[in-house]
Protein backbone atom coordinates (compact mmCIF):
# COMPACT_ATOMS: atom_id res chain seq x y z
CA MET A 1 23.92 8.38 13.11
CA GLU A 2 21.23 6.22 15.28
CA LEU A 3 18.85 7.11 12.86
CA LYS A 4 20.59 6.00 9.68
CA LYS A 5 21.28 3.07 11.67
CA ASN A 6 18.03 2.70 12.51
CA SER A 7 16.69 3.46 8.73
CA ILE A 8 19.01 1.01 7.26
CA ILE A 9 17.84 -1.72 9.40
CA SER A 10 14.19 -0.82 8.47
CA LEU A 11 14.85 -1.06 5.11
CA PHE A 12 16.70 -4.16 5.01
CA ALA A 13 13.76 -5.85 7.32
CA TYR A 14 11.19 -4.46 4.80
CA LEU A 15 12.76 -6.18 2.10
CA MET A 16 13.25 -9.43 3.49
CA LEU A 17 9.63 -9.56 4.59
CA TYR A 18 8.63 -8.15 1.25
CA ILE A 19 10.53 -10.52 -0.99
CA LEU A 20 10.90 -13.57 1.18
CA GLY A 21 8.25 -13.20 3.94
CA ALA A 22 5.49 -12.54 1.78
CA THR A 23 6.00 -15.80 -0.39
CA LEU A 24 6.61 -18.13 2.91
CA VAL A 25 3.00 -16.58 4.40
CA ILE A 26 1.35 -16.81 0.72
CA TYR A 27 2.50 -20.34 0.59
CA LEU A 28 1.57 -21.25 4.02
CA ILE A 29 -1.82 -19.77 3.49
CA ALA A 30 -2.42 -21.70 0.71
CA PHE A 31 -1.49 -25.15 1.93
CA ILE A 32 -3.69 -24.83 5.16
CA VAL A 33 -6.67 -23.31 2.87
CA SER A 34 -6.01 -25.96 0.19
CA LYS A 35 -6.01 -28.84 2.95
CA SER A 36 -8.63 -27.30 5.02
CA ASN A 37 -11.12 -27.75 2.01
CA ASN A 38 -9.62 -30.62 0.28
CA ILE A 39 -8.72 -29.01 -3.06
CA ASP A 40 -5.33 -29.57 -4.64
CA PHE A 41 -2.53 -27.17 -3.57
CA ASN A 42 -1.20 -26.31 -6.97
CA LEU A 43 -4.51 -25.74 -8.37
CA LEU A 44 -4.93 -22.92 -5.63
CA LEU A 45 -1.86 -21.41 -5.82
CA GLU A 46 -2.32 -21.34 -9.82
CA VAL A 47 -5.78 -19.49 -9.48
CA MET A 48 -4.27 -17.41 -6.26
CA GLN A 49 -1.45 -15.90 -9.03
CA ASN A 50 -3.76 -15.69 -12.55
CA ASN A 51 -7.40 -15.06 -10.40
CA SER A 52 -8.85 -17.61 -12.97
CA LYS A 53 -12.74 -18.06 -12.49
CA LEU A 54 -13.33 -20.97 -13.87
CA ASP A 55 -13.93 -22.62 -10.91
CA LEU A 56 -15.84 -19.97 -9.03
CA ASN A 57 -15.12 -22.11 -5.36
CA VAL A 58 -11.54 -22.21 -5.82
CA TYR A 59 -11.26 -18.61 -6.91
CA ARG A 60 -13.38 -17.43 -3.41
CA LEU A 61 -10.72 -19.37 -1.61
CA ALA A 62 -7.62 -17.75 -3.72
CA ASN A 63 -9.30 -14.54 -3.25
CA PHE A 64 -9.38 -15.50 0.32
CA SER A 65 -6.10 -16.31 0.65
CA ASN A 66 -4.80 -13.28 -1.19
CA ALA A 67 -6.34 -11.23 1.54
CA LEU A 68 -5.17 -12.69 4.56
CA GLY A 69 -1.57 -13.13 3.07
CA ASN A 70 -1.65 -9.34 2.15
CA PHE A 71 -3.19 -8.46 6.09
CA ILE A 72 -0.55 -11.18 7.92
CA VAL A 73 2.66 -9.62 5.77
CA TYR A 74 1.55 -6.08 6.66
CA LEU A 75 0.64 -6.90 10.40
CA ILE A 76 4.15 -8.22 10.66
CA MET A 77 5.68 -5.38 8.69
CA PHE A 78 3.99 -3.16 10.76
CA ILE A 79 5.02 -4.72 14.40
CA VAL A 80 8.74 -5.01 13.12
CA LEU A 81 9.01 -1.22 11.79
CA ILE A 82 7.10 -0.05 14.75
CA ILE A 83 9.74 -1.66 17.02
CA ILE A 84 12.44 -0.53 15.47
CA ASN A 85 11.19 3.06 15.21
CA PHE A 86 9.24 3.55 18.43
CA LYS A 87 11.61 6.02 19.92
CA ASN A 88 11.65 8.47 16.47
CA LEU A 89 7.89 7.79 16.19
CA LYS A 90 7.22 9.30 19.57
CA GLU A 91 9.61 11.85 18.92
CA HIS A 92 7.57 12.77 15.67
CA LEU A 93 4.48 12.74 17.79
CA PHE A 94 5.52 15.15 20.18
CA LYS A 95 6.63 17.48 17.59
CA ILE A 96 2.98 17.87 16.10
CA LYS A 97 1.60 20.03 18.93
CA ASN A 98 4.63 22.88 18.11
CA ASN A 99 3.50 23.03 14.65
CA LEU A 100 0.11 22.15 14.73
CA ILE A 101 -1.91 24.49 12.86
CA SER A 102 0.56 24.13 9.63
CA PHE A 103 0.90 20.50 10.19
CA ILE A 104 -3.29 20.45 9.66
CA ILE A 105 -3.46 22.61 6.82
CA ILE A 106 -0.15 20.77 4.95
CA THR A 107 -1.92 17.25 5.80
CA ILE A 108 -5.46 18.28 4.82
CA PHE A 109 -4.48 19.99 1.75
CA GLY A 110 -2.30 17.73 0.44
CA PHE A 111 -4.74 14.90 0.93
CA ILE A 112 -7.18 16.94 -1.29
CA ILE A 113 -4.65 17.46 -3.73
CA LEU A 114 -3.29 14.00 -3.58
CA TYR A 115 -7.07 12.59 -4.08
CA GLY A 116 -8.46 14.85 -6.36
CA ILE A 117 -5.69 14.57 -8.90
CA THR A 118 -5.49 11.01 -8.84
CA TYR A 119 -9.72 10.58 -8.87
CA LEU A 120 -9.44 12.70 -11.93
CA ILE A 121 -6.65 10.83 -13.54
CA ASN A 122 -8.48 7.52 -12.97
CA TYR A 123 -11.56 9.25 -14.33
CA LEU A 124 -9.89 10.29 -17.55
CA TYR A 125 -8.57 6.58 -17.85
CA ASN A 126 -11.97 5.28 -17.32
CA LEU A 127 -13.65 7.58 -19.86
CA TYR A 128 -11.10 6.59 -22.47
CA ASN A 129 -11.11 2.67 -21.55
CA ILE A 130 -7.23 2.71 -20.09
CA GLY A 131 -8.44 0.36 -17.35
CA ILE A 132 -6.74 0.05 -14.16
CA SER A 133 -3.75 -1.36 -12.45
CA ASN A 134 -4.17 -5.37 -10.97
CA ASN A 135 -3.39 -3.56 -7.84
CA GLN A 136 -6.77 -1.52 -7.61
CA ASP A 137 -8.49 -4.40 -9.50
CA SER A 138 -7.14 -7.09 -6.89
CA LEU A 139 -8.61 -4.42 -4.17
CA VAL A 140 -11.97 -4.51 -5.95
CA SER A 141 -12.05 -8.00 -6.01
CA TYR A 142 -11.28 -8.68 -2.37
CA ILE A 143 -13.97 -6.17 -1.29
CA GLU A 144 -16.50 -7.81 -3.58
CA GLU A 145 -15.73 -11.34 -2.74
CA GLY A 146 -16.14 -10.52 1.15
CA ASN A 147 -12.91 -9.78 2.31
CA ALA A 148 -13.55 -6.12 3.21
CA ILE A 149 -12.98 -6.17 6.75
CA LEU A 150 -9.05 -7.70 6.11
CA ILE A 151 -8.65 -5.27 3.31
CA PHE A 152 -9.76 -2.19 5.54
CA PHE A 153 -7.37 -3.05 8.13
CA SER A 154 -4.31 -3.78 5.40
CA VAL A 155 -4.86 -0.66 3.06
CA PHE A 156 -6.26 1.75 5.69
CA LEU A 157 -4.25 1.23 8.68
CA PHE A 158 -1.13 -1.02 8.09
CA ALA A 159 -0.26 -0.19 4.54
CA PRO A 160 0.14 3.55 4.95
CA ILE A 161 2.10 3.11 8.28
CA VAL A 162 4.25 0.68 6.55
CA GLU A 163 4.93 2.31 3.10
CA GLU A 164 5.51 6.13 4.78
CA LEU A 165 7.78 4.32 7.14
CA ILE A 166 9.89 3.14 4.19
CA TYR A 167 9.27 4.97 1.27
CA ARG A 168 9.19 8.52 3.14
CA TYR A 169 11.20 8.42 6.64
CA VAL A 170 13.69 6.08 5.73
CA ILE A 171 14.39 7.03 2.30
CA PHE A 172 14.64 11.04 3.67
CA ASP A 173 16.66 9.72 6.31
CA ILE A 174 19.07 7.46 4.16
CA PHE A 175 19.87 9.96 1.16
CA THR A 176 20.58 13.39 2.20
CA ASN A 177 20.11 14.99 -1.23
CA ARG A 178 16.64 16.04 -0.94
CA ILE A 179 16.40 15.63 -4.88
CA ILE A 180 17.93 12.13 -4.98
CA ALA A 181 15.34 11.44 -2.02
CA TYR A 182 12.40 12.23 -4.02
CA ILE A 183 13.01 10.30 -6.96
CA ILE A 184 13.88 7.15 -4.94
CA SER A 185 10.83 7.98 -2.65
CA ILE A 186 8.90 8.23 -5.76
CA ILE A 187 9.94 5.42 -7.75
CA PHE A 188 10.13 2.88 -4.63
CA PHE A 189 6.62 3.49 -4.17
CA ALA A 190 4.92 3.28 -7.72
CA LEU A 191 6.57 0.24 -8.52
CA PRO A 192 5.63 -2.16 -5.96
CA HIS A 193 1.95 -1.26 -7.03
CA MET A 194 2.59 -2.06 -10.27
CA LEU A 195 4.38 -5.46 -10.65
CA SER A 196 1.33 -7.88 -11.04
CA THR A 197 0.00 -5.06 -13.97
CA ASN A 198 0.24 -7.11 -17.36
CA ALA A 199 -0.07 -4.23 -20.26
CA ASP A 200 1.46 -3.26 -23.16
CA ILE A 201 4.18 -0.70 -22.42
CA ILE A 202 2.16 2.20 -23.05
CA ASN A 203 -0.96 1.28 -20.83
CA TRP A 204 1.57 0.06 -18.48
CA LEU A 205 3.11 3.64 -18.10
CA LEU A 206 0.23 5.47 -18.31
CA LEU A 207 -1.10 3.21 -15.11
CA LEU A 208 2.02 4.00 -13.68
CA ILE A 209 1.54 7.98 -13.45
CA PRO A 210 -1.53 8.05 -10.52
CA TYR A 211 1.07 6.45 -8.49
CA LEU A 212 4.26 8.47 -9.30
CA PHE A 213 1.74 11.67 -8.48
CA SER A 214 0.97 9.95 -5.40
CA GLY A 215 4.36 9.37 -4.21
CA PHE A 216 5.39 12.77 -5.12
CA MET A 217 2.49 14.29 -3.10
CA LEU A 218 3.17 12.43 0.22
CA ALA A 219 6.82 12.93 -0.61
CA LEU A 220 6.15 16.74 -0.75
CA ILE A 221 4.09 16.65 2.41
CA TYR A 222 6.56 14.73 4.86
CA ASP A 223 9.64 17.08 3.12
CA GLN A 224 7.45 20.17 4.08
CA THR A 225 6.38 19.21 7.81
CA LYS A 226 9.43 16.81 8.87
CA ASN A 227 7.21 14.64 10.57
CA ILE A 228 6.38 11.65 9.11
CA TYR A 229 2.56 11.46 10.40
CA ALA A 230 1.57 14.16 8.36
CA SER A 231 2.30 11.73 5.03
CA ILE A 232 0.59 8.62 7.20
CA PHE A 233 -2.60 10.83 7.70
CA ALA A 234 -2.85 11.85 4.26
CA HIS A 235 -2.21 8.41 3.04
CA MET A 236 -4.76 6.79 5.36
CA LEU A 237 -7.25 9.47 4.25
CA ASN A 238 -6.43 8.42 0.55
CA ASN A 239 -6.83 5.09 0.98
CA LEU A 240 -10.47 5.32 3.41
CA VAL A 241 -11.60 7.73 0.96
CA SER A 242 -10.96 5.38 -1.83
CA PHE A 243 -12.07 2.28 -0.12
CA ILE A 244 -15.28 3.88 1.08
CA SER A 245 -15.86 4.69 -2.32
CA ILE A 246 -15.33 1.22 -3.72
CA ILE A 247 -17.97 -0.29 -0.76
CA ILE A 248 -20.52 2.29 -1.77
CA THR A 249 -19.92 1.67 -5.85
CA LEU A 250 -20.31 -2.50 -5.05
CA GLY A 251 -22.88 -1.94 -2.57
CA VAL A 252 -21.14 -4.06 -0.01
CA VAL A 253 -22.28 -4.20 3.39
CA LEU A 254 -19.45 -4.98 6.29
């Protein structure tokens, strides 16, 4: 009963921070950046939303503001969720040693399948000029514009912990029916990654597929191990390899 209570509180806190907190943080950062650089606040907000490059200086400031906003929001979510679930996270950590070999095997092989299949899908999309989601495109632009450190901590450290706690640990605790838990876990994971993507319905659905598959694999890893650290580590490895590949492709020096 205590687990469900913590899970419901975690879900509520996450939704409030995601819906309201993110907006407030973005507006606050935009206000501070606009005042510090003597540019119009509304112009900065507009560029932050549509990613326009008509004014490169404003674009770079907007890019930095978005990257910093993501970092702060994920940091707040990370702290709040760790505090709420600290006891259960500690228990899961101690349980690793009881099934260490299977934990390592499932985590590593799960990551290999997760990254391998999503890489293949994205490769085929690139081959046939289907493109990438706005979420992926934003990550590339953040790194390209010199915000790699902020993105590293947001994407490699905070995001996997926050997302696995919510989309796997919380969802599987609240919904005891495994099929329902899988469906909700996969959909809730995939959709937020696609909210900013503007495309026709066919392309949008195609771009959704890698996220649906990722959500399925991470849910499977968690379900097979019954340990949240397995899906967290697999998620971290996936994001780390993706981050490094972008760094290498762009030739960015940290």
